[in-house]
Protein backbone atom coordinates (compact mmCIF):
# COMPACT_ATOMS: atom_id res chain seq x y z
CA MET A 1 184.35 111.93 71.98
CA ARG A 2 182.31 113.27 68.42
CA PRO A 3 183.72 114.64 65.38
CA ALA A 4 183.87 117.92 65.09
CA SER A 5 181.47 118.07 62.50
CA PHE A 6 178.51 117.47 65.08
CA ILE A 7 180.09 120.25 67.60
CA LEU A 8 177.90 123.50 67.45
CA PRO A 9 179.19 126.62 68.84
CA PHE A 10 177.72 127.05 72.28
CA SER A 11 176.74 130.42 71.03
CA LEU A 12 174.73 129.00 68.09
CA LEU A 13 172.75 126.36 70.02
CA HIS A 14 171.56 129.16 72.20
CA ARG A 15 170.66 131.65 69.45
CA GLN A 16 168.90 128.28 68.62
CA SER A 17 166.95 127.61 71.51
CA ILE A 18 165.96 130.87 72.02
CA ALA A 19 164.18 131.41 68.60
CA THR A 20 162.28 127.66 69.20
CA ALA A 21 161.25 129.55 72.65
CA ALA A 22 159.95 132.33 71.06
CA ARG A 23 157.70 130.22 68.39
CA CYS A 24 156.61 127.95 70.91
CA THR A 25 155.65 131.50 73.34
CA ALA A 26 153.83 132.97 69.79
CA LEU A 27 151.81 130.06 69.51
CA ARG A 28 150.52 129.51 72.91
CA TYR A 29 150.38 133.30 73.71
CA PRO A 30 149.56 134.71 70.20
CA VAL A 31 149.66 138.72 70.15
CA LEU A 32 145.67 140.10 70.11
CA PRO A 33 145.02 142.64 68.00
CA SER A 34 144.38 146.26 69.81
CA THR A 35 140.63 146.37 69.76
CA THR A 36 141.02 143.06 71.59
CA LEU A 37 143.08 144.03 74.14
CA ILE A 38 140.84 146.78 74.99
CA HIS A 39 138.15 144.42 75.58
CA ALA A 40 139.92 141.85 77.67
CA TYR A 41 141.48 144.46 79.56
CA PRO A 42 139.09 147.13 80.24
CA THR A 43 141.83 148.96 82.30
CA CYS A 44 143.40 149.89 79.14
CA ARG A 45 140.24 151.68 78.00
CA SER A 46 139.98 154.12 81.04
CA ARG A 47 140.76 157.05 77.59
CA ALA A 48 138.08 155.90 75.90
CA GLN A 49 135.01 154.84 78.61
CA PRO A 50 134.53 154.74 82.33
CA PHE A 51 135.76 151.15 84.17
CA SER A 52 132.51 149.99 85.20
CA SER A 53 131.55 150.27 81.54
CA ALA A 54 134.16 148.23 80.65
CA MET A 55 133.79 145.87 83.22
CA THR A 56 130.14 145.59 81.90
CA ASP A 57 131.12 144.30 78.14
CA THR A 58 133.75 142.12 79.65
CA GLY A 59 131.43 140.60 82.18
CA ALA A 60 128.80 140.26 79.06
CA ALA A 61 131.50 138.37 77.03
CA LYS A 62 132.21 136.56 79.67
CA ILE A 63 128.48 135.18 80.30
CA ALA A 64 128.53 134.18 76.10
CA THR A 65 131.55 132.05 76.29
CA GLU A 66 130.80 130.50 79.44
CA PRO A 67 128.53 127.50 79.59
CA LYS A 68 125.10 128.06 81.04
CA LYS A 69 124.72 127.18 84.68
CA GLY A 70 122.63 123.96 85.17
CA THR A 71 123.74 122.52 81.68
CA GLN A 72 125.58 119.84 83.58
CA GLU A 73 122.57 119.15 85.96
CA GLU A 74 120.32 119.11 83.22
CA THR A 75 122.68 116.42 81.35
CA ASN A 76 122.99 114.35 84.32
CA SER A 77 118.86 114.85 84.70
CA ARG A 78 118.25 113.35 81.22
CA ASN A 79 120.87 110.39 82.04
CA VAL A 80 118.97 109.43 85.56
CA ALA A 81 115.86 109.84 83.53
CA VAL A 82 117.05 107.35 81.05
CA GLU A 83 118.61 104.92 83.06
CA ASN A 84 115.15 105.33 85.11
CA THR A 85 113.49 104.36 82.18
CA GLU A 86 115.66 101.51 81.45
CA ALA A 87 115.61 99.87 84.36
CA SER A 88 111.47 100.42 84.83
CA ALA A 89 111.82 98.24 81.05
CA ALA A 90 113.67 96.09 82.25
CA GLU A 91 111.24 95.08 85.84
CA VAL A 92 108.54 94.69 83.29
CA PRO A 93 107.89 91.06 83.23
CA LYS A 94 107.45 88.51 80.45
CA GLU A 95 104.13 87.73 79.95
CA GLU A 96 104.35 83.71 80.78
CA GLU A 97 104.21 81.39 78.17
CA LYS A 98 100.59 79.76 77.67
CA LEU A 99 100.23 76.18 78.08
CA PRO A 100 98.46 73.86 76.14
CA PRO A 101 95.19 72.87 77.96
CA LEU A 102 95.01 69.69 80.57
CA SER A 103 93.12 66.61 79.89
CA ALA A 104 90.62 65.94 82.66
CA SER A 105 92.86 62.81 83.64
CA ASP A 106 96.27 65.23 83.81
CA PHE A 107 94.46 68.02 85.28
CA ARG A 108 93.38 65.03 88.06
CA ALA A 109 96.87 63.91 88.37
CA TYR A 110 98.31 67.57 88.62
CA ASN A 111 95.18 69.06 90.97
CA GLY A 112 95.58 66.01 93.26
CA MET A 113 97.73 67.56 96.18
CA ALA A 114 95.56 70.81 96.12
CA GLU A 115 92.47 68.94 96.55
CA HIS A 116 93.65 66.82 99.56
CA MET A 117 94.90 70.34 101.08
CA GLU A 118 91.82 71.93 100.69
CA TYR A 119 90.18 68.39 102.51
CA PHE A 120 92.11 69.50 105.36
CA HIS A 121 91.96 73.10 105.28
CA ASN A 122 88.52 73.19 105.11
CA ASN A 123 88.27 71.39 108.60
CA PHE A 124 90.68 73.51 109.96
CA ARG A 125 88.20 76.15 109.14
CA ASN A 126 85.00 75.08 110.30
CA THR A 127 86.27 74.54 113.67
CA TRP A 128 87.98 77.83 113.91
CA ASN A 129 84.35 79.56 112.77
CA LEU A 130 82.93 77.35 115.66
CA LEU A 131 85.76 78.76 118.24
CA TYR A 132 86.01 82.20 116.91
CA GLY A 133 81.85 82.64 116.17
CA ALA A 134 81.11 81.79 120.35
CA CYS A 135 83.76 84.09 120.81
CA GLU A 136 81.76 87.17 118.82
CA SER A 137 78.26 86.23 120.10
CA ASN A 138 79.83 86.04 123.81
CA SER A 139 78.18 82.37 123.64
CA ARG A 140 79.11 78.62 123.60
CA PRO A 141 77.09 76.56 121.57
CA ARG A 142 74.25 74.85 123.25
CA ASN A 143 75.26 71.51 123.40
CA MET A 144 78.91 72.10 124.34
CA SER A 145 80.09 72.58 128.01
CA ILE A 146 82.97 74.52 128.58
CA LYS A 147 85.11 71.40 129.40
CA GLN A 148 84.20 70.56 126.26
CA PHE A 149 84.84 73.68 124.20
CA ILE A 150 88.22 74.06 125.76
CA THR A 151 88.70 70.76 124.24
CA THR A 152 87.97 71.11 120.94
CA GLY A 153 90.03 74.41 121.19
CA LEU A 154 92.63 72.19 122.43
CA GLN A 155 92.51 69.91 119.61
CA PHE A 156 92.40 71.98 116.88
CA CYS A 157 95.94 73.09 118.28
CA GLY A 158 97.16 69.59 118.03
CA HIS A 159 95.85 68.94 114.69
CA LEU A 160 97.21 72.15 112.93
CA HIS A 161 100.72 71.74 114.58
CA ALA A 162 100.62 67.83 113.75
CA HIS A 163 99.96 68.95 110.23
CA HIS A 164 101.95 71.59 109.72
CA SER A 165 104.61 68.81 111.05
CA ILE A 166 104.21 66.39 108.24
CA GLU A 167 104.23 69.05 105.83
CA GLU A 168 107.72 70.38 106.68
CA MET A 169 109.13 66.97 107.47
CA HIS A 170 107.86 65.13 104.47
CA VAL A 171 105.83 67.05 101.95
CA PHE A 172 107.39 70.79 101.92
CA PRO A 173 111.20 69.29 101.24
CA VAL A 174 110.29 67.50 98.30
CA LEU A 175 108.68 70.49 96.67
CA ALA A 176 111.81 72.35 97.37
CA LYS A 177 113.72 70.69 95.24
CA ARG A 178 111.96 72.18 92.33
CA MET A 179 109.52 74.87 94.09
CA PRO A 180 110.67 78.62 95.42
CA GLU A 181 107.56 78.62 97.32
CA PHE A 182 108.48 75.52 99.70
CA LYS A 183 111.60 76.41 100.41
CA ASN A 184 112.81 76.14 104.07
CA GLY A 185 116.34 77.55 106.29
CA PRO A 186 117.06 77.22 109.36
CA LYS A 187 114.74 78.95 112.04
CA TYR A 188 112.83 80.16 108.80
CA LYS A 189 115.20 82.34 108.35
CA GLY A 190 115.48 82.85 104.44
CA ALA A 191 112.10 80.75 104.49
CA ALA A 192 109.42 80.82 101.44
CA GLU A 193 106.69 82.90 102.26
CA LEU A 194 104.21 79.95 103.05
CA LEU A 195 106.90 78.79 105.84
CA ARG A 196 106.87 82.34 107.41
CA GLN A 197 103.38 81.79 107.65
CA HIS A 198 103.82 78.91 109.85
CA LYS A 199 106.01 80.85 112.16
CA GLU A 200 103.44 83.31 112.67
CA ILE A 201 100.29 81.06 113.13
CA HIS A 202 102.30 78.47 115.97
CA ASP A 203 103.48 82.15 117.37
CA GLY A 204 100.07 83.33 117.92
CA MET A 205 98.50 79.44 118.20
CA ASP A 206 100.76 79.11 121.47
CA VAL A 207 99.62 82.06 122.78
CA PHE A 208 96.18 80.83 122.47
CA GLN A 209 96.99 76.88 123.61
CA LEU A 210 98.81 78.30 126.55
CA TYR A 211 95.45 80.07 127.96
CA LEU A 212 93.31 77.14 127.12
CA LYS A 213 95.17 74.83 129.06
CA GLN A 214 95.38 77.61 132.35
CA CYS A 215 91.70 77.14 131.88
CA GLU A 216 91.67 73.60 131.50
CA SER A 217 93.79 73.41 134.99
CA GLY A 218 91.77 76.09 136.90
CA GLU A 219 94.91 78.06 137.03
CA VAL A 220 92.02 81.21 135.14
CA ASP A 221 88.59 81.37 134.34
CA PHE A 222 87.52 80.92 131.46
CA ASP A 223 86.64 83.86 129.56
CA LEU A 224 84.99 83.86 125.61
CA ARG A 225 85.85 87.75 125.29
CA VAL A 226 90.10 86.67 126.73
CA LEU A 227 89.60 83.82 123.92
CA LYS A 228 88.80 86.07 121.64
CA THR A 229 91.70 87.87 122.14
CA LYS A 230 94.20 85.00 121.96
CA MET A 231 92.71 84.45 118.42
CA GLU A 232 92.98 87.53 116.43
CA SER A 233 96.79 87.88 116.16
CA TRP A 234 96.90 85.28 114.00
CA GLY A 235 93.88 84.82 112.04
CA THR A 236 94.37 86.95 109.50
CA VAL A 237 97.46 84.71 108.71
CA LEU A 238 96.11 81.77 109.18
CA TRP A 239 93.38 82.19 106.71
CA THR A 240 95.44 83.42 104.30
CA HIS A 241 97.96 80.59 104.87
CA LEU A 242 94.85 78.14 104.28
CA ASP A 243 94.12 79.76 100.79
CA GLN A 244 97.63 80.46 99.43
CA GLU A 245 99.01 76.68 100.31
CA VAL A 246 95.59 75.35 98.06
CA LYS A 247 96.08 77.99 95.11
CA THR A 248 100.44 77.21 95.01
CA LEU A 249 99.60 73.38 94.84
CA GLY A 250 96.90 74.13 92.23
CA ALA A 251 97.06 71.78 88.65
CA GLU A 252 98.41 75.10 87.00
CA ASN A 253 101.87 75.94 89.04
CA MET A 254 102.39 72.67 89.86
CA ARG A 255 102.60 71.74 85.45
CA LYS A 256 105.33 74.26 85.76
CA TYR A 257 107.96 71.96 87.83
CA TRP A 258 106.40 68.29 87.60
CA THR A 259 105.06 65.57 84.89
CA VAL A 260 102.18 63.92 85.45
CA GLU A 261 104.27 60.56 86.54
CA GLU A 262 106.23 62.16 88.77
CA MET A 263 102.74 63.75 90.57
CA ARG A 264 101.33 60.70 90.95
CA ARG A 265 104.12 59.78 93.22
CA MET A 266 104.03 62.96 95.40
CA PRO A 267 104.03 61.53 99.08
CA MET A 268 100.69 63.46 99.61
């Protein structure tokens, strides 16, 4: 039980509570001057001016105190613009560090795979030109029979298939350890562009090869115009691949990933 000195009469507590509440109310809802009341409550000005005029004054005061419409939208737009500018600046690729010139010996070492690959690719280009040129002119080379022409086409398919198989089994896995350009994946899923090109080439070449086999067996009649349609679907990707692969294996790119000694031990 508290000492008597700490017990205040209820009436005194009540008066103190009322006084405290009054002070809080005064702070929260201050008494406005009469002129302010007139502007804040236009119905009080019924004797001074019409109600519609009072509402006009109130509307003007409200517009003056409210933030302009679109301010938030403009701020958001400015923020988005700043973010886009920063993102664009981040996307600008940094200039690659210029490497010192290679000696003649080092250049040969770094460029060896590209030169070797170009040798095979030139053979494929020459055979393609022979086959497709005949299709465009609708005339075989004079020194080739239909059988020889068909055999040339089938050999082209066999050589290209073997070439790509060797690359994917023995060459590309070694390069892919450091070079993303040769990364492969199951059924080419997630594979690099050069590997995806292989798949696209083979999809078209399989149709081309099937037609030649049907012609060879006598199942269908050989027609250069039909053969042309079997080549057009994959000709562009083939030629793109032949050029791009050699460029990727060139000295200026290979030196970014390998030493000279490592290049001399490459499987090709």
